[in-house]
Structure formats: C-alpha cells, structure tokens
Protein backbone atom coordinates (compact mmCIF):
# COMPACT_ATOMS: atom_id res chain seq x y z
CA MET A 1 31.44 -42.18 157.16
CA THR A 2 29.46 -45.43 156.61
CA HIS A 3 26.56 -45.54 153.46
CA SER A 4 23.01 -46.22 154.41
CA LYS A 5 22.85 -48.34 150.86
CA GLN A 6 24.38 -51.41 150.24
CA PHE A 7 26.54 -50.91 146.86
CA LYS A 8 26.33 -54.37 144.61
CA ALA A 9 28.89 -54.04 142.12
CA CYS A 10 32.38 -52.37 141.95
CA LEU A 11 33.40 -50.46 138.09
CA PHE A 12 37.12 -49.28 137.78
CA ASP A 13 38.87 -47.04 136.36
CA MET A 14 42.43 -48.60 135.13
CA ASP A 15 45.34 -45.75 134.15
CA GLY A 16 46.29 -44.27 137.01
CA LEU A 17 44.14 -45.77 139.48
CA LEU A 18 45.14 -49.35 139.15
CA ILE A 19 48.29 -48.84 137.52
CA ASN A 20 51.16 -46.89 137.47
CA SER A 21 50.45 -46.10 133.93
CA GLU A 22 50.56 -42.56 134.14
CA ASP A 23 54.04 -42.19 135.37
CA VAL A 24 54.57 -43.50 131.59
CA TYR A 25 52.27 -40.85 129.84
CA THR A 26 54.13 -37.77 131.71
CA GLU A 27 57.40 -39.47 130.72
CA SER A 28 56.54 -40.13 127.47
CA PHE A 29 54.55 -36.30 126.57
CA SER A 30 57.67 -34.78 128.32
CA LYS A 31 60.52 -36.64 126.36
CA VAL A 32 58.18 -35.42 122.65
CA LEU A 33 57.81 -32.31 123.72
CA ARG A 34 61.22 -31.56 125.10
CA GLU A 35 63.05 -33.04 122.26
CA ASN A 36 60.58 -32.41 119.17
CA PHE A 37 59.07 -29.34 119.89
CA GLY A 38 61.89 -27.66 122.21
CA VAL A 39 58.91 -27.28 125.34
CA GLU A 40 62.45 -27.86 127.73
CA SER A 41 59.33 -28.66 131.54
CA GLY A 42 58.32 -31.25 129.33
CA LEU A 43 54.87 -32.07 130.70
CA THR A 44 53.67 -29.78 133.83
CA TRP A 45 50.57 -30.53 136.06
CA ASP A 46 48.94 -28.08 135.33
CA VAL A 47 48.43 -29.79 131.97
CA LYS A 48 48.12 -33.24 132.60
CA VAL A 49 45.36 -32.78 134.88
CA GLN A 50 43.59 -31.45 131.58
CA LEU A 51 44.54 -34.42 129.88
CA GLN A 52 43.79 -37.31 132.18
CA GLY A 53 41.11 -39.21 131.35
CA LEU A 54 40.49 -38.78 128.05
CA GLN A 55 41.06 -40.58 125.11
CA GLY A 56 44.40 -39.85 123.46
CA PRO A 57 43.40 -37.72 120.37
CA MET A 58 41.57 -35.57 122.38
CA ALA A 59 44.81 -35.58 124.84
CA CYS A 60 47.18 -35.12 122.41
CA GLN A 61 44.82 -31.94 121.19
CA VAL A 62 44.66 -30.58 125.01
CA VAL A 63 48.95 -30.73 125.04
CA VAL A 64 49.07 -29.18 121.31
CA ASP A 65 46.53 -26.26 122.46
CA ALA A 66 47.94 -25.79 126.03
CA TYR A 67 51.96 -25.63 124.68
CA HIS A 68 50.72 -23.39 121.53
CA LEU A 69 52.31 -25.87 119.23
CA GLY A 70 51.91 -24.29 116.17
CA ASN A 71 54.13 -25.91 114.09
CA VAL A 72 51.72 -28.66 114.61
CA THR A 73 49.61 -29.43 112.43
CA ASP A 74 47.51 -32.65 113.53
CA ASN A 75 47.47 -33.66 116.91
CA MET A 76 48.07 -37.41 115.73
CA GLU A 77 51.79 -36.46 115.42
CA ILE A 78 51.72 -36.04 118.89
CA LEU A 79 49.80 -39.28 119.20
CA ARG A 80 52.04 -41.43 117.11
CA LEU A 81 55.48 -39.71 118.73
CA THR A 82 54.29 -40.53 122.14
CA SER A 83 52.95 -44.19 121.42
CA LYS A 84 56.16 -45.32 120.08
CA GLU A 85 58.41 -44.13 123.60
CA GLN A 86 55.02 -45.87 125.58
CA GLU A 87 55.70 -49.26 123.79
CA LYS A 88 59.39 -49.38 125.16
CA LEU A 89 58.00 -48.66 128.73
CA TRP A 90 54.16 -50.28 128.58
CA PRO A 91 56.18 -53.78 130.29
CA LYS A 92 56.98 -51.44 133.60
CA VAL A 93 54.28 -50.74 134.95
CA ARG A 94 53.23 -52.48 138.08
CA PHE A 95 49.99 -52.03 140.65
CA LEU A 96 49.51 -49.23 142.77
CA PRO A 97 48.99 -49.56 146.35
CA GLY A 98 46.11 -51.51 147.22
CA ALA A 99 44.94 -51.99 143.89
CA LEU A 100 45.37 -55.57 143.53
CA GLU A 101 44.64 -56.65 147.25
CA LEU A 102 41.02 -55.28 146.60
CA LEU A 103 40.27 -56.76 143.38
CA LYS A 104 41.21 -60.11 144.75
CA LYS A 105 39.26 -58.89 148.02
CA LEU A 106 36.25 -58.28 146.15
CA HIS A 107 36.45 -61.53 143.18
CA SER A 108 37.30 -63.30 146.35
CA GLU A 109 33.66 -61.76 147.91
CA GLY A 110 32.23 -62.77 144.79
CA ILE A 111 31.69 -58.62 144.31
CA PRO A 112 31.08 -58.22 140.61
CA ILE A 113 33.47 -56.05 139.02
CA ALA A 114 33.61 -54.78 135.86
CA LEU A 115 37.17 -52.26 134.17
CA CYS A 116 35.87 -49.67 132.35
CA THR A 117 38.76 -47.68 130.13
CA SER A 118 39.81 -45.02 127.73
CA SER A 119 42.55 -46.72 126.31
CA THR A 120 42.56 -48.91 123.02
CA THR A 121 42.36 -52.44 123.45
CA GLU A 122 45.67 -52.34 121.96
CA LYS A 123 46.65 -50.19 124.62
CA PHE A 124 45.04 -52.37 127.27
CA HIS A 125 46.47 -55.39 126.46
CA LEU A 126 50.40 -53.88 125.96
CA LYS A 127 49.72 -52.55 129.83
CA SER A 128 47.89 -55.48 131.26
CA GLY A 129 49.47 -58.25 130.00
CA HIS A 130 52.20 -58.74 132.46
CA LEU A 131 49.92 -58.23 135.12
CA GLN A 132 47.41 -61.04 134.98
CA GLU A 133 46.93 -62.05 138.59
CA GLY A 134 45.15 -58.51 138.81
CA PHE A 135 43.24 -58.00 135.55
CA SER A 136 42.80 -61.91 134.94
CA LEU A 137 39.97 -61.48 138.12
CA PHE A 138 37.74 -59.23 135.63
CA GLU A 139 37.08 -62.44 134.11
CA GLY A 140 36.68 -60.64 130.46
CA ARG A 141 33.97 -57.74 131.89
CA ILE A 142 35.91 -54.94 130.32
CA ILE A 143 35.52 -52.02 128.02
CA THR A 144 37.80 -50.16 126.22
CA GLY A 145 37.73 -46.96 124.76
CA ASP A 146 37.71 -48.05 121.16
CA ASN A 147 34.26 -50.49 122.43
CA PRO A 148 31.76 -49.34 119.48
CA GLU A 149 29.25 -48.26 121.97
CA ILE A 150 31.28 -45.20 123.51
CA ALA A 151 33.22 -44.71 120.14
CA GLY A 152 33.32 -40.81 120.27
CA ARG A 153 31.49 -40.86 123.71
CA GLY A 154 33.83 -41.02 126.06
CA LYS A 155 34.77 -39.78 129.63
CA PRO A 156 33.18 -37.37 130.92
CA GLN A 157 30.11 -38.53 129.48
CA PRO A 158 28.71 -41.71 131.37
CA TYR A 159 28.39 -44.63 128.68
CA VAL A 160 31.52 -46.19 130.02
CA TRP A 161 30.18 -47.39 133.00
CA TRP A 162 27.00 -48.34 131.87
CA ALA A 163 28.43 -50.05 129.43
CA GLY A 164 30.79 -51.95 132.50
CA LEU A 165 27.53 -52.33 133.79
CA GLU A 166 25.74 -53.69 131.23
CA LEU A 167 28.33 -56.25 130.96
CA ILE A 168 27.91 -57.16 134.78
CA ASN A 169 23.77 -57.30 134.51
CA LYS A 170 24.18 -59.57 131.20
CA GLU A 171 26.22 -62.42 132.62
CA ARG A 172 24.61 -62.45 135.59
CA GLU A 173 20.98 -61.93 134.59
CA THR A 174 20.83 -59.28 137.32
CA ASN A 175 19.57 -55.59 137.36
CA ILE A 176 21.88 -53.70 139.31
CA LYS A 177 21.25 -50.25 139.17
CA PRO A 178 23.75 -47.50 138.90
CA GLU A 179 23.23 -45.79 141.99
CA GLU A 180 23.56 -49.00 143.44
CA CYS A 181 27.53 -48.79 141.61
CA LEU A 182 30.68 -47.98 142.77
CA VAL A 183 33.05 -45.97 140.21
CA PHE A 184 36.97 -46.39 140.84
CA GLU A 185 38.68 -43.17 139.26
CA ASP A 186 41.71 -40.91 139.71
CA ALA A 187 41.28 -38.34 136.57
CA ILE A 188 38.32 -35.49 136.55
CA PRO A 189 36.86 -36.10 133.39
CA GLY A 190 36.53 -40.20 135.15
CA VAL A 191 34.54 -37.86 138.22
CA ILE A 192 32.42 -36.37 135.99
CA SER A 193 31.51 -38.87 134.40
CA GLY A 194 30.99 -41.46 137.15
CA LYS A 195 28.38 -38.63 138.77
CA ARG A 196 26.72 -38.37 135.27
CA ALA A 197 25.99 -42.11 135.33
CA GLY A 198 24.66 -42.02 138.63
CA CYS A 199 27.38 -43.94 140.27
CA TYR A 200 29.16 -43.13 143.55
CA VAL A 201 32.79 -41.84 143.04
CA VAL A 202 35.93 -42.85 145.16
CA TRP A 203 38.47 -40.43 143.57
CA VAL A 204 42.10 -41.34 144.38
CA PRO A 205 43.56 -38.88 142.34
CA ASP A 206 47.75 -38.33 142.21
CA VAL A 207 48.86 -36.41 145.18
CA HIS A 208 49.95 -33.73 142.31
CA ALA A 209 46.99 -33.29 140.51
CA VAL A 210 45.33 -32.44 143.68
CA GLN A 211 48.16 -29.71 144.26
CA VAL A 212 46.76 -28.13 141.81
CA MET A 213 43.41 -27.92 141.47
CA SER A 214 41.52 -25.60 144.32
CA LYS A 215 39.96 -26.48 147.31
CA LYS A 216 36.48 -25.37 145.41
CA ARG A 217 36.83 -27.28 142.52
CA ILE A 218 37.09 -30.09 144.98
CA ALA A 219 34.77 -29.62 146.85
CA GLU A 220 32.60 -29.08 143.61
CA LEU A 221 33.24 -32.68 142.45
CA VAL A 222 32.80 -34.98 145.13
CA GLY A 223 29.57 -32.42 146.45
CA GLU A 224 28.07 -31.37 150.14
CA ASN A 225 29.18 -33.76 153.18
CA ASN A 226 30.82 -36.05 150.42
CA GLN A 227 27.51 -36.90 148.71
CA GLN A 228 28.64 -37.69 145.35
CA ALA A 229 32.12 -38.46 145.56
CA ILE A 230 34.88 -39.82 148.15
CA LEU A 231 38.63 -38.54 147.86
CA LEU A 232 41.28 -40.38 149.38
CA ASP A 233 45.12 -40.79 148.43
CA SER A 234 45.23 -44.16 148.10
CA LEU A 235 43.09 -47.46 147.33
CA GLU A 236 45.13 -48.75 150.06
CA LYS A 237 42.47 -46.75 152.69
CA PHE A 238 39.28 -47.58 150.80
CA ASP A 239 37.13 -49.34 153.34
CA ALA A 240 34.33 -52.28 151.84
CA GLY A 241 32.86 -52.37 154.81
CA GLU A 242 32.00 -48.79 155.00
CA TYR A 243 29.48 -49.66 151.40
CA GLY A 244 28.20 -52.74 152.25
CA LEU A 245 30.74 -54.54 150.32
C-alpha cells in the first residue's frame, strides 16, 4: 500500500525495535523471578507484553502485580535486582535485522530522524555505547525517559514523540507536523502513544507478542484498512518508497 501523503521525518523507539535489548529484559526478569521469588516460569509473554515500552518503575510494578509478589513491598527492589543482572548483558546487545540498514538509508537520503526511548540516559548509553555505527546517525537527536520534558509522562502518552520532533524542527528550522512523521515501534504503549501524537505508526512487534494478542486487539491498534498503523514482522520489510521517503 503506497501512501498518498509524503512523510518528512522518522521517529524511532529503541528497545526491541532497533536492538535486541528486550531479550536482556526477559533474561534478567526471568532470573530474578526464579532465584529471588520462586516463580519457576520466569517472565512469560502474557506479562511481558504488558510491560514493554513502560519506564522502569512502572514495568516492575506490572511484574509485582502479575505474579502476586506479596513479599515485595516496593517495585524499586525488582528494579534494583534486574538492573544488576542487565549490566552484565548490555554489551551483548546487537542491532535487529534491517535496523542498521534502515538508519543508514534514511541518513544518506537526508531524512531527519530522532530516537525517542523510555530508557534512562544511563541505560541508553549502556545499551548503545558499542553500537555507534548506528546510533551516531541520530546526531544527538535523542530523547530519553528521564528527559525533564517527559518525566512522568512517558508512553502511552504522546509527549516523547512531540519532544523528538521538536528537536528536529529546532535543528533544521522546519515546521514538520506530527501527521508528517512516521513512528517506529515494537510495543503496544508505544503504538498507542504514536497514534495519540498524531503520527502514523510502523509497528514491528516480536512474534511472541503477537501470539498472545487477539486478532481484535491487533485490529484495534492498526485501525481499519491500516489507517493509523501498519504491522510488519521485521524492519527488513519496510519499504521507504511507499511513504515518500
């Protein structure tokens, strides 16, 4: 499907969309749940899909509630334990299929891009420091979850995308509107926030996430005839020409 509208900018999520850091979250949460709280199943996808895209404390609260961890009185304890495990794993993170190639293409074509992630500044650097071949292409246009403009107003609220677009417009002295932007996301809160921001969403979820969602829920997220979003199984399937890029 070729869009009649020509899009002028691209706004990207990071975890699970550009890099396989969601694997690290699954591994760390599963280890903590098994070893510290006796949850032998580890982090299951019916729960994981609920916490994707959320900021750390909110995600940990989802885990506390979902697994009825009555002996945990503070979600920050889960955050502390999982963060300790994650620090060992971040250096292993790699770009997902098609991600680096897409960033290079957009950069070479002069299409403005910005990164809009729920990760804190510290975690962003831990995840991306060894992947500068791709992340340097954002040229500093990066909004993290602890940015004062969006602190406490993360996904599924729309502010992170507006903040990313504002960086582009200030730098380029342009007036690109949200409806002229593509938002690239893997997680449901990000899809919702992208739509709320007035952007068109390219939704690239993990296959396991799709498997635990109903067809009705998927249809609600993409809108009738893909009017608000399109569902892809890989960034390798994204055709920039269909969007005027």
